[in-house]
PDB file of N, CA and C in Angstrom:
ATOM      1  N   UNK A   1       0.744  -1.160   0.017  1.00  0.00           N
ATOM      2  CA  UNK A   1       0.104  -0.020   0.049  1.00  0.00           C
ATOM      3  C   UNK A   1       0.895   1.143  -0.109  1.00  0.00           C
ATOM      4  N   UNK A   2       0.408   2.101  -0.807  1.00  0.00           N
ATOM      5  CA  UNK A   2       1.437   3.467  -0.938  1.00  0.00           C
ATOM      6  C   UNK A   2       1.117   4.252   0.246  1.00  0.00           C
ATOM      7  N   UNK A   3       2.272   4.939   0.661  1.00  0.00           N
ATOM      8  CA  UNK A   3       2.281   5.764   1.881  1.00  0.00           C
ATOM      9  C   UNK A   3       1.357   6.949   1.621  1.00  0.00           C
ATOM     10  N   UNK A   4       0.566   7.358   2.816  1.00  0.00           N
ATOM     11  CA  UNK A   4      -0.185   8.692   2.389  1.00  0.00           C
ATOM     12  C   UNK A   4       0.687   9.809   2.292  1.00  0.00           C
ATOM     13  N   UNK A   5       0.238  10.789   1.461  1.00  0.00           N
ATOM     14  CA  UNK A   5       1.051  12.022   1.287  1.00  0.00           C
ATOM     15  C   UNK A   5       0.918  12.850   2.728  1.00  0.00           C
ATOM     16  N   UNK A   6       1.957  13.574   2.927  1.00  0.00           N
ATOM     17  CA  UNK A   6       2.061  14.400   4.264  1.00  0.00           C
ATOM     18  C   UNK A   6       0.798  15.463   4.228  1.00  0.00           C
ATOM     19  N   UNK A   7       0.474  15.758   5.504  1.00  0.00           N
ATOM     20  CA  UNK A   7      -0.523  16.641   5.683  1.00  0.00           C
ATOM     21  C   UNK A   7      -0.159  18.023   5.207  1.00  0.00           C
ATOM     22  N   UNK A   8       1.143  18.303   5.458  1.00  0.00           N
ATOM     23  CA  UNK A   8       1.760  19.708   5.112  1.00  0.00           C
ATOM     24  C   UNK A   8       1.680  19.789   3.634  1.00  0.00           C
ATOM     25  N   UNK A   9       1.837  18.669   2.825  1.00  0.00           N
ATOM     26  CA  UNK A   9       1.745  18.774   1.229  1.00  0.00           C
ATOM     27  C   UNK A   9       0.429  19.041   0.731  1.00  0.00           C
ATOM     28  N   UNK A  10      -0.571  18.333   1.550  1.00  0.00           N
ATOM     29  CA  UNK A  10      -1.981  18.426   1.074  1.00  0.00           C
ATOM     30  C   UNK A  10      -2.450  19.944   1.492  1.00  0.00           C
ATOM     31  N   UNK A  11      -1.948  20.299   2.804  1.00  0.00           N
ATOM     32  CA  UNK A  11      -2.501  21.610   3.164  1.00  0.00           C
ATOM     33  C   UNK A  11      -1.880  22.769   2.275  1.00  0.00           C
ATOM     34  N   UNK A  12      -0.778  22.526   1.702  1.00  0.00           N
ATOM     35  CA  UNK A  12      -0.053  23.439   0.847  1.00  0.00           C
ATOM     36  C   UNK A  12      -0.753  23.745  -0.458  1.00  0.00           C
ATOM     37  N   UNK A  13      -1.596  22.818  -0.862  1.00  0.00           N
ATOM     38  CA  UNK A  13      -2.333  22.878  -2.034  1.00  0.00           C
ATOM     39  C   UNK A  13      -3.491  24.018  -1.697  1.00  0.00           C
ATOM     40  N   UNK A  14      -3.892  24.340  -0.634  1.00  0.00           N
ATOM     41  CA  UNK A  14      -4.881  25.253  -0.401  1.00  0.00           C
ATOM     42  C   UNK A  14      -6.393  24.849  -0.481  1.00  0.00           C
ATOM     43  N   UNK A  15      -6.508  23.519  -0.607  1.00  0.00           N
ATOM     44  CA  UNK A  15      -7.927  23.007  -0.617  1.00  0.00           C
ATOM     45  C   UNK A  15      -8.249  22.618   0.727  1.00  0.00           C
ATOM     46  N   UNK A  16      -9.097  23.380   1.492  1.00  0.00           N
ATOM     47  CA  UNK A  16      -9.505  23.277   2.908  1.00  0.00           C
ATOM     48  C   UNK A  16     -10.271  21.840   3.097  1.00  0.00           C
ATOM     49  N   UNK A  17     -11.145  21.390   2.170  1.00  0.00           N
ATOM     50  CA  UNK A  17     -11.844  20.134   2.323  1.00  0.00           C
ATOM     51  C   UNK A  17     -10.891  19.036   2.317  1.00  0.00           C
ATOM     52  N   UNK A  18     -10.036  18.994   1.224  1.00  0.00           N
ATOM     53  CA  UNK A  18      -8.948  17.980   1.168  1.00  0.00           C
ATOM     54  C   UNK A  18      -8.077  17.983   2.430  1.00  0.00           C
ATOM     55  N   UNK A  19      -7.699  18.951   2.923  1.00  0.00           N
ATOM     56  CA  UNK A  19      -6.793  19.131   4.144  1.00  0.00           C
ATOM     57  C   UNK A  19      -7.583  18.541   5.303  1.00  0.00           C
ATOM     58  N   UNK A  20      -8.846  18.881   5.574  1.00  0.00           N
ATOM     59  CA  UNK A  20      -9.527  18.371   6.625  1.00  0.00           C
ATOM     60  C   UNK A  20      -9.688  16.823   6.404  1.00  0.00           C
ATOM     61  N   UNK A  21      -9.878  16.281   5.285  1.00  0.00           N
ATOM     62  CA  UNK A  21     -10.069  14.830   5.036  1.00  0.00           C
ATOM     63  C   UNK A  21      -8.902  14.221   5.374  1.00  0.00           C
ATOM     64  N   UNK A  22      -7.676  14.776   4.969  1.00  0.00           N
ATOM     65  CA  UNK A  22      -6.379  14.124   5.160  1.00  0.00           C
ATOM     66  C   UNK A  22      -6.091  14.338   6.789  1.00  0.00           C
ATOM     67  N   UNK A  23      -6.591  15.257   7.549  1.00  0.00           N
ATOM     68  CA  UNK A  23      -6.410  15.226   8.974  1.00  0.00           C
ATOM     69  C   UNK A  23      -7.345  14.160   9.581  1.00  0.00           C
ATOM     70  N   UNK A  24      -8.429  14.183   9.011  1.00  0.00           N
ATOM     71  CA  UNK A  24      -9.482  13.072   9.544  1.00  0.00           C
ATOM     72  C   UNK A  24      -8.755  11.621   9.415  1.00  0.00           C
ATOM     73  N   UNK A  25      -8.288  11.422   8.328  1.00  0.00           N
ATOM     74  CA  UNK A  25      -7.573  10.120   8.089  1.00  0.00           C
ATOM     75  C   UNK A  25      -6.464   9.806   8.930  1.00  0.00           C
ATOM     76  N   UNK A  26      -5.680  11.001   9.106  1.00  0.00           N
ATOM     77  CA  UNK A  26      -4.529  10.759  10.242  1.00  0.00           C
ATOM     78  C   UNK A  26      -4.993  10.601  11.400  1.00  0.00           C
ATOM     79  N   UNK A  27      -6.063  11.354  11.928  1.00  0.00           N
ATOM     80  CA  UNK A  27      -6.459  11.059  13.408  1.00  0.00           C
ATOM     81  C   UNK A  27      -7.089   9.632  13.426  1.00  0.00           C
ATOM     82  N   UNK A  28      -7.679   9.067  12.303  1.00  0.00           N
ATOM     83  CA  UNK A  28      -8.240   7.815  12.378  1.00  0.00           C
ATOM     84  C   UNK A  28      -7.237   6.644  12.438  1.00  0.00           C
ATOM     85  N   UNK A  29      -5.983   7.017  11.746  1.00  0.00           N
ATOM     86  CA  UNK A  29      -5.006   5.917  11.964  1.00  0.00           C
ATOM     87  C   UNK A  29      -4.411   5.924  13.299  1.00  0.00           C
ATOM     88  N   UNK A  30      -4.312   7.123  13.924  1.00  0.00           N
ATOM     89  CA  UNK A  30      -3.792   7.275  15.322  1.00  0.00           C
ATOM     90  C   UNK A  30      -4.801   6.713  16.373  1.00  0.00           C
ATOM     91  N   UNK A  31      -6.003   6.862  16.029  1.00  0.00           N
ATOM     92  CA  UNK A  31      -6.996   6.272  17.094  1.00  0.00           C
ATOM     93  C   UNK A  31      -6.901   4.593  16.915  1.00  0.00           C
ATOM     94  N   UNK A  32      -6.567   3.942  15.688  1.00  0.00           N
ATOM     95  CA  UNK A  32      -6.543   2.755  15.674  1.00  0.00           C
ATOM     96  C   UNK A  32      -5.441   1.883  15.874  1.00  0.00           C
ATOM     97  N   UNK A  33      -4.270   2.894  16.287  1.00  0.00           N
ATOM     98  CA  UNK A  33      -2.960   2.077  16.790  1.00  0.00           C
ATOM     99  C   UNK A  33      -3.301   1.502  18.111  1.00  0.00           C
ATOM    100  N   UNK A  34      -2.635   0.132  18.133  1.00  0.00           N
ATOM    101  CA  UNK A  34      -2.855  -0.607  19.392  1.00  0.00           C
ATOM    102  C   UNK A  34      -2.081  -0.023  20.486  1.00  0.00           C
ATOM    103  N   UNK A  35      -2.761  -0.109  21.607  1.00  0.00           N
ATOM    104  CA  UNK A  35      -1.963   0.309  22.934  1.00  0.00           C
ATOM    105  C   UNK A  35      -2.074   1.937  23.189  1.00  0.00           C
ATOM    106  N   UNK A  36      -2.979   2.444  22.456  1.00  0.00           N
ATOM    107  CA  UNK A  36      -3.238   4.064  22.711  1.00  0.00           C
ATOM    108  C   UNK A  36      -3.699   4.209  24.007  1.00  0.00           C
ATOM    109  N   UNK A  37      -3.170   5.199  24.692  1.00  0.00           N
ATOM    110  CA  UNK A  37      -3.746   5.505  26.161  1.00  0.00           C
ATOM    111  C   UNK A  37      -5.002   5.924  26.158  1.00  0.00           C
ATOM    112  N   UNK A  38      -5.803   5.736  27.171  1.00  0.00           N
ATOM    113  CA  UNK A  38      -7.223   6.507  27.263  1.00  0.00           C
ATOM    114  C   UNK A  38      -7.226   7.818  27.039  1.00  0.00           C
ATOM    115  N   UNK A  39      -6.067   8.528  27.636  1.00  0.00           N
ATOM    116  CA  UNK A  39      -6.215  10.058  27.522  1.00  0.00           C
ATOM    117  C   UNK A  39      -5.978  10.490  26.033  1.00  0.00           C
ATOM    118  N   UNK A  40      -5.160   9.887  25.258  1.00  0.00           N
ATOM    119  CA  UNK A  40      -4.833  10.165  23.949  1.00  0.00           C
ATOM    120  C   UNK A  40      -6.149   9.771  23.218  1.00  0.00           C
ATOM    121  N   UNK A  41      -6.745   8.608  23.510  1.00  0.00           N
ATOM    122  CA  UNK A  41      -7.954   8.214  22.767  1.00  0.00           C
ATOM    123  C   UNK A  41      -8.963   9.166  22.853  1.00  0.00           C
ATOM    124  N   UNK A  42      -9.259   9.665  24.133  1.00  0.00           N
ATOM    125  CA  UNK A  42     -10.392  10.596  24.357  1.00  0.00           C
ATOM    126  C   UNK A  42      -9.980  11.969  23.454  1.00  0.00           C
ATOM    127  N   UNK A  43      -8.732  12.399  23.587  1.00  0.00           N
ATOM    128  CA  UNK A  43      -8.654  13.768  22.823  1.00  0.00           C
ATOM    129  C   UNK A  43      -8.678  13.487  21.366  1.00  0.00           C
ATOM    130  N   UNK A  44      -8.075  12.455  20.805  1.00  0.00           N
ATOM    131  CA  UNK A  44      -8.074  12.255  19.404  1.00  0.00           C
ATOM    132  C   UNK A  44      -9.527  12.047  18.871  1.00  0.00           C
ATOM    133  N   UNK A  45     -10.303  11.253  19.614  1.00  0.00           N
ATOM    134  CA  UNK A  45     -11.648  11.073  19.272  1.00  0.00           C
ATOM    135  C   UNK A  45     -12.465  12.295  19.167  1.00  0.00           C
ATOM    136  N   UNK A  46     -12.283  13.164  20.266  1.00  0.00           N
ATOM    137  CA  UNK A  46     -12.897  14.446  20.194  1.00  0.00           C
ATOM    138  C   UNK A  46     -12.595  15.284  19.008  1.00  0.00           C
ATOM    139  N   UNK A  47     -11.337  15.415  18.586  1.00  0.00           N
ATOM    140  CA  UNK A  47     -10.848  16.094  17.392  1.00  0.00           C
ATOM    141  C   UNK A  47     -11.458  15.452  16.202  1.00  0.00           C
ATOM    142  N   UNK A  48     -11.477  14.119  16.161  1.00  0.00           N
ATOM    143  CA  UNK A  48     -12.031  13.346  15.053  1.00  0.00           C
ATOM    144  C   UNK A  48     -13.523  13.779  14.859  1.00  0.00           C
ATOM    145  N   UNK A  49     -14.250  13.798  15.868  1.00  0.00           N
ATOM    146  CA  UNK A  49     -15.672  14.277  15.627  1.00  0.00           C
ATOM    147  C   UNK A  49     -15.826  15.745  15.217  1.00  0.00           C
ATOM    148  N   UNK A  50     -14.966  16.545  15.724  1.00  0.00           N
ATOM    149  CA  UNK A  50     -15.036  17.860  15.274  1.00  0.00           C
ATOM    150  C   UNK A  50     -14.597  17.977  13.766  1.00  0.00           C
ATOM    151  N   UNK A  51     -13.627  17.290  13.445  1.00  0.00           N
ATOM    152  CA  UNK A  51     -13.178  17.582  11.976  1.00  0.00           C
ATOM    153  C   UNK A  51     -14.175  16.907  10.989  1.00  0.00           C
ATOM    154  N   UNK A  52     -14.787  15.630  11.475  1.00  0.00           N
ATOM    155  CA  UNK A  52     -15.771  15.050  10.647  1.00  0.00           C
ATOM    156  C   UNK A  52     -17.081  15.987  10.495  1.00  0.00           C
ATOM    157  N   UNK A  53     -17.367  16.682  11.544  1.00  0.00           N
ATOM    158  CA  UNK A  53     -18.459  17.573  11.488  1.00  0.00           C
ATOM    159  C   UNK A  53     -18.194  18.808  10.552  1.00  0.00           C
ATOM    160  N   UNK A  54     -17.040  19.312  10.550  1.00  0.00           N
ATOM    161  CA  UNK A  54     -16.472  20.350   9.751  1.00  0.00           C
ATOM    162  C   UNK A  54     -16.604  19.914   8.238  1.00  0.00           C
ATOM    163  N   UNK A  55     -16.150  18.783   7.979  1.00  0.00           N
ATOM    164  CA  UNK A  55     -16.091  18.278   6.598  1.00  0.00           C
ATOM    165  C   UNK A  55     -17.505  18.186   6.285  1.00  0.00           C
ATOM    166  N   UNK A  56     -18.412  17.678   6.797  1.00  0.00           N
ATOM    167  CA  UNK A  56     -19.902  17.485   6.506  1.00  0.00           C
ATOM    168  C   UNK A  56     -20.452  18.865   6.291  1.00  0.00           C
ATOM    169  N   UNK A  57     -19.964  19.811   7.196  1.00  0.00           N
ATOM    170  CA  UNK A  57     -20.530  21.216   6.865  1.00  0.00           C
ATOM    171  C   UNK A  57     -20.152  21.829   5.616  1.00  0.00           C
ATOM    172  N   UNK A  58     -18.920  21.755   5.352  1.00  0.00           N
ATOM    173  CA  UNK A  58     -18.343  22.134   4.087  1.00  0.00           C
ATOM    174  C   UNK A  58     -18.755  21.544   2.720  1.00  0.00           C
ATOM    175  N   UNK A  59     -19.094  20.210   2.739  1.00  0.00           N
ATOM    176  CA  UNK A  59     -19.906  19.592   1.890  1.00  0.00           C
ATOM    177  C   UNK A  59     -21.276  19.977   1.552  1.00  0.00           C
ATOM    178  N   UNK A  60     -21.934  20.353   2.657  1.00  0.00           N
ATOM    179  CA  UNK A  60     -23.316  20.842   2.625  1.00  0.00           C
ATOM    180  C   UNK A  60     -23.266  22.203   2.000  1.00  0.00           C
ATOM    181  N   UNK A  61     -22.396  23.126   2.273  1.00  0.00           N
ATOM    182  CA  UNK A  61     -22.309  24.420   1.822  1.00  0.00           C
ATOM    183  C   UNK A  61     -21.978  24.355   0.498  1.00  0.00           C
ATOM    184  N   UNK A  62     -21.022  23.443  -0.184  1.00  0.00           N
ATOM    185  CA  UNK A  62     -20.651  23.374  -1.438  1.00  0.00           C
ATOM    186  C   UNK A  62     -21.914  22.898  -2.228  1.00  0.00           C
ATOM    187  N   UNK A  63     -22.685  22.055  -1.784  1.00  0.00           N
ATOM    188  CA  UNK A  63     -23.809  21.432  -2.479  1.00  0.00           C
ATOM    189  C   UNK A  63     -24.805  22.471  -2.503  1.00  0.00           C
ATOM    190  N   UNK A  64     -24.901  23.345  -1.578  1.00  0.00           N
ATOM    191  CA  UNK A  64     -26.020  24.517  -1.570  1.00  0.00           C
ATOM    192  C   UNK A  64     -25.488  25.561  -2.507  1.00  0.00           C
ATOM    193  N   UNK A  65     -24.227  25.569  -2.963  1.00  0.00           N
ATOM    194  CA  UNK A  65     -23.690  26.723  -3.784  1.00  0.00           C
ATOM    195  C   UNK A  65     -23.148  27.915  -2.989  1.00  0.00           C
ATOM    196  N   UNK A  66     -22.817  27.666  -1.786  1.00  0.00           N
ATOM    197  CA  UNK A  66     -22.203  28.714  -0.940  1.00  0.00           C
ATOM    198  C   UNK A  66     -20.553  28.612  -0.971  1.00  0.00           C
ATOM    199  N   UNK A  67     -19.998  29.559  -0.729  1.00  0.00           N
ATOM    200  CA  UNK A  67     -18.456  29.511  -0.597  1.00  0.00           C
ATOM    201  C   UNK A  67     -18.219  29.081   0.794  1.00  0.00           C
ATOM    202  N   UNK A  68     -16.835  29.019   1.129  1.00  0.00           N
ATOM    203  CA  UNK A  68     -16.526  28.485   2.382  1.00  0.00           C
ATOM    204  C   UNK A  68     -16.743  29.341   3.526  1.00  0.00           C
ATOM    205  N   UNK A  69     -17.126  30.597   3.274  1.00  0.00           N
ATOM    206  CA  UNK A  69     -17.669  31.647   4.411  1.00  0.00           C
ATOM    207  C   UNK A  69     -19.169  31.346   4.635  1.00  0.00           C
ATOM    208  N   UNK A  70     -19.707  30.674   3.750  1.00  0.00           N
ATOM    209  CA  UNK A  70     -21.167  30.524   3.965  1.00  0.00           C
ATOM    210  C   UNK A  70     -21.948  31.612   3.207  1.00  0.00           C
ATOM    211  N   UNK A  71     -21.312  32.452   2.485  1.00  0.00           N
ATOM    212  CA  UNK A  71     -21.921  33.642   1.671  1.00  0.00           C
ATOM    213  C   UNK A  71     -22.277  33.113   0.213  1.00  0.00           C
ATOM    214  N   UNK A  72     -23.260  33.777  -0.211  1.00  0.00           N
ATOM    215  CA  UNK A  72     -23.515  33.430  -1.628  1.00  0.00           C
ATOM    216  C   UNK A  72     -22.522  33.836  -2.606  1.00  0.00           C
ATOM    217  N   UNK A  73     -22.355  32.971  -3.678  1.00  0.00           N
ATOM    218  CA  UNK A  73     -21.411  33.357  -4.612  1.00  0.00           C
ATOM    219  C   UNK A  73     -21.542  34.737  -5.305  1.00  0.00           C
ATOM    220  N   UNK A  74     -20.476  35.200  -5.793  1.00  0.00           N
ATOM    221  CA  UNK A  74     -20.568  36.491  -6.408  1.00  0.00           C
ATOM    222  C   UNK A  74     -21.625  36.694  -7.541  1.00  0.00           C
ATOM    223  N   UNK A  75     -21.738  35.651  -8.263  1.00  0.00           N
ATOM    224  CA  UNK A  75     -22.735  35.649  -9.588  1.00  0.00           C
ATOM    225  C   UNK A  75     -24.075  35.373  -8.875  1.00  0.00           C
ATOM    226  N   UNK A  76     -24.258  35.160  -7.775  1.00  0.00           N
ATOM    227  CA  UNK A  76     -25.595  34.608  -7.175  1.00  0.00           C
ATOM    228  C   UNK A  76     -26.356  36.077  -6.911  1.00  0.00           C
ATOM    229  N   UNK A  77     -27.629  36.156  -7.620  1.00  0.00           N
ATOM    230  CA  UNK A  77     -28.307  37.311  -7.335  1.00  0.00           C
ATOM    231  C   UNK A  77     -29.056  37.403  -6.107  1.00  0.00           C
ATOM    232  N   UNK A  78     -28.937  36.377  -5.373  1.00  0.00           N
ATOM    233  CA  UNK A  78     -29.770  36.090  -4.110  1.00  0.00           C
ATOM    234  C   UNK A  78     -29.450  37.175  -3.122  1.00  0.00           C
ATOM    235  N   UNK A  79     -30.234  37.925  -2.490  1.00  0.00           N
ATOM    236  CA  UNK A  79     -30.124  38.992  -1.366  1.00  0.00           C
ATOM    237  C   UNK A  79     -30.340  38.237  -0.167  1.00  0.00           C
ATOM    238  N   UNK A  80     -29.257  37.993   0.594  1.00  0.00           N
ATOM    239  CA  UNK A  80     -29.575  37.217   1.931  1.00  0.00           C
ATOM    240  C   UNK A  80     -30.524  38.086   2.942  1.00  0.00           C
ATOM    241  N   UNK A  81     -30.442  39.431   2.904  1.00  0.00           N
ATOM    242  CA  UNK A  81     -31.434  40.197   3.685  1.00  0.00           C
ATOM    243  C   UNK A  81     -32.762  39.956   3.356  1.00  0.00           C
ATOM    244  N   UNK A  82     -33.148  39.668   2.164  1.00  0.00           N
ATOM    245  CA  UNK A  82     -34.490  39.323   1.695  1.00  0.00           C
ATOM    246  C   UNK A  82     -35.009  38.061   2.031  1.00  0.00           C
ATOM    247  N   UNK A  83     -34.026  37.118   2.347  1.00  0.00           N
ATOM    248  CA  UNK A  83     -34.283  35.763   2.718  1.00  0.00           C
ATOM    249  C   UNK A  83     -34.489  35.313   4.279  1.00  0.00           C
ATOM    250  N   UNK A  84     -34.967  36.371   4.880  1.00  0.00           N
ATOM    251  CA  UNK A  84     -35.234  36.071   6.365  1.00  0.00           C
ATOM    252  C   UNK A  84     -36.439  35.159   6.541  1.00  0.00           C
ATOM    253  N   UNK A  85     -36.181  34.124   7.150  1.00  0.00           N
ATOM    254  CA  UNK A  85     -37.219  33.238   7.530  1.00  0.00           C
ATOM    255  C   UNK A  85     -38.468  33.750   8.208  1.00  0.00           C
ATOM    256  N   UNK A  86     -39.630  33.407   7.537  1.00  0.00           N
ATOM    257  CA  UNK A  86     -40.822  33.813   8.487  1.00  0.00           C
ATOM    258  C   UNK A  86     -41.130  33.072   9.659  1.00  0.00           C
ATOM    259  N   UNK A  87     -41.820  33.679  10.541  1.00  0.00           N
ATOM    260  CA  UNK A  87     -42.104  33.068  11.701  1.00  0.00           C
ATOM    261  C   UNK A  87     -41.139  33.605  12.815  1.00  0.00           C
ATOM    262  N   UNK A  88     -41.359  32.764  13.952  1.00  0.00           N
ATOM    263  CA  UNK A  88     -40.541  33.191  15.043  1.00  0.00           C
ATOM    264  C   UNK A  88     -39.124  32.669  14.894  1.00  0.00           C
ATOM    265  N   UNK A  89     -38.193  33.703  15.235  1.00  0.00           N
ATOM    266  CA  UNK A  89     -36.772  33.468  15.277  1.00  0.00           C
ATOM    267  C   UNK A  89     -36.183  32.740  16.307  1.00  0.00           C
ATOM    268  N   UNK A  90     -35.187  31.920  16.250  1.00  0.00           N
ATOM    269  CA  UNK A  90     -34.563  31.120  17.228  1.00  0.00           C
ATOM    270  C   UNK A  90     -33.699  32.220  17.930  1.00  0.00           C
ATOM    271  N   UNK A  91     -33.196  31.906  19.218  1.00  0.00           N
ATOM    272  CA  UNK A  91     -32.284  32.840  19.872  1.00  0.00           C
ATOM    273  C   UNK A  91     -31.085  33.030  18.961  1.00  0.00           C
ATOM    274  N   UNK A  92     -30.513  32.047  18.398  1.00  0.00           N
ATOM    275  CA  UNK A  92     -29.325  32.298  17.554  1.00  0.00           C
ATOM    276  C   UNK A  92     -29.427  33.275  16.341  1.00  0.00           C
ATOM    277  N   UNK A  93     -30.746  33.199  15.691  1.00  0.00           N
ATOM    278  CA  UNK A  93     -31.184  33.847  14.559  1.00  0.00           C
ATOM    279  C   UNK A  93     -31.261  35.314  15.062  1.00  0.00           C
ATOM    280  N   UNK A  94     -31.816  35.605  16.197  1.00  0.00           N
ATOM    281  CA  UNK A  94     -31.905  36.754  16.702  1.00  0.00           C
ATOM    282  C   UNK A  94     -30.601  37.523  17.014  1.00  0.00           C
ATOM    283  N   UNK A  95     -29.701  36.688  17.577  1.00  0.00           N
ATOM    284  CA  UNK A  95     -28.395  37.231  17.826  1.00  0.00           C
ATOM    285  C   UNK A  95     -27.746  37.558  16.434  1.00  0.00           C
ATOM    286  N   UNK A  96     -27.788  36.762  15.489  1.00  0.00           N
ATOM    287  CA  UNK A  96     -27.060  36.871  14.210  1.00  0.00           C
ATOM    288  C   UNK A  96     -27.553  38.257  13.584  1.00  0.00           C
ATOM    289  N   UNK A  97     -28.896  38.345  13.586  1.00  0.00           N
ATOM    290  CA  UNK A  97     -29.665  39.647  13.084  1.00  0.00           C
ATOM    291  C   UNK A  97     -29.200  40.734  13.680  1.00  0.00           C
ATOM    292  N   UNK A  98     -29.072  40.652  15.024  1.00  0.00           N
ATOM    293  CA  UNK A  98     -28.578  41.909  15.785  1.00  0.00           C
ATOM    294  C   UNK A  98     -27.340  42.330  15.455  1.00  0.00           C
ATOM    295  N   UNK A  99     -26.346  41.265  15.220  1.00  0.00           N
ATOM    296  CA  UNK A  99     -24.895  41.624  14.942  1.00  0.00           C
ATOM    297  C   UNK A  99     -24.939  42.044  13.419  1.00  0.00           C
ATOM    298  N   UNK A 100     -25.653  41.528  12.530  1.00  0.00           N
ATOM    299  CA  UNK A 100     -25.617  41.987  11.260  1.00  0.00           C
ATOM    300  C   UNK A 100     -26.225  43.515  11.142  1.00  0.00           C
ATOM    301  N   UNK A 101     -27.118  43.708  11.984  1.00  0.00           N
ATOM    302  CA  UNK A 101     -27.855  45.101  12.051  1.00  0.00           C
ATOM    303  C   UNK A 101     -26.809  46.162  12.431  1.00  0.00           C
ATOM    304  N   UNK A 102     -26.026  45.657  13.429  1.00  0.00           N
ATOM    305  CA  UNK A 102     -24.906  46.582  14.171  1.00  0.00           C
ATOM    306  C   UNK A 102     -23.829  46.870  13.076  1.00  0.00           C
ATOM    307  N   UNK A 103     -23.448  45.872  12.288  1.00  0.00           N
ATOM    308  CA  UNK A 103     -22.453  46.000  11.372  1.00  0.00           C
ATOM    309  C   UNK A 103     -22.953  47.050  10.194  1.00  0.00           C
ATOM    310  N   UNK A 104     -24.175  46.973   9.981  1.00  0.00           N
ATOM    311  CA  UNK A 104     -24.742  47.890   8.851  1.00  0.00           C
ATOM    312  C   UNK A 104     -24.760  49.350   9.239  1.00  0.00           C
ATOM    313  N   UNK A 105     -24.649  49.666  10.522  1.00  0.00           N
ATOM    314  CA  UNK A 105     -24.824  51.015  11.147  1.00  0.00           C
ATOM    315  C   UNK A 105     -23.465  51.848  10.504  1.00  0.00           C
ATOM    316  N   UNK A 106     -23.882  53.012  10.107  1.00  0.00           N
ATOM    317  CA  UNK A 106     -22.780  53.925   9.626  1.00  0.00           C
ATOM    318  C   UNK A 106     -22.275  54.721  10.805  1.00  0.00           C
ATOM    319  N   UNK A 107     -20.946  54.475  11.043  1.00  0.00           N
ATOM    320  CA  UNK A 107     -20.291  55.307  12.306  1.00  0.00           C
ATOM    321  C   UNK A 107     -19.916  56.727  11.659  1.00  0.00           C
ATOM    322  N   UNK A 108     -20.567  57.848  12.304  1.00  0.00           N
ATOM    323  CA  UNK A 108     -20.000  59.292  11.785  1.00  0.00           C
ATOM    324  C   UNK A 108     -18.467  59.401  12.003  1.00  0.00           C
ATOM    325  N   UNK A 109     -18.100  60.072  11.141  1.00  0.00           N
ATOM    326  CA  UNK A 109     -16.543  60.585  11.224  1.00  0.00           C
ATOM    327  C   UNK A 109     -16.455  61.639  12.438  1.00  0.00           C
ATOM    328  N   UNK A 110     -15.391  61.489  13.129  1.00  0.00           N
ATOM    329  CA  UNK A 110     -15.198  62.414  14.318  1.00  0.00           C
ATOM    330  C   UNK A 110     -14.468  63.767  13.714  1.00  0.00           C
TER     331      UNK A 110
END
């Protein structure tokens, strides 16, 4: 079996998804090593779960046509302000709306 490429080489390509997938694979190999301590297993497993969640999140955003920042692509005419969900907002949506409104305020020059 061919030796996997180094994580540094993959990260150097600048593809976030491929880098996270390589990190996931490296973590999986470390978790599978015989004789791993309980402390190391707990830490590696936690990171593995976080990385796999981030990979899934990136894949969902790509499938939805969004860039890695979660924003609509430049050629997308969709206005995110007009797409506010109807009905009651969750606390997180309220917080996000408040932050967005704060960013939109114009600060007078002194």
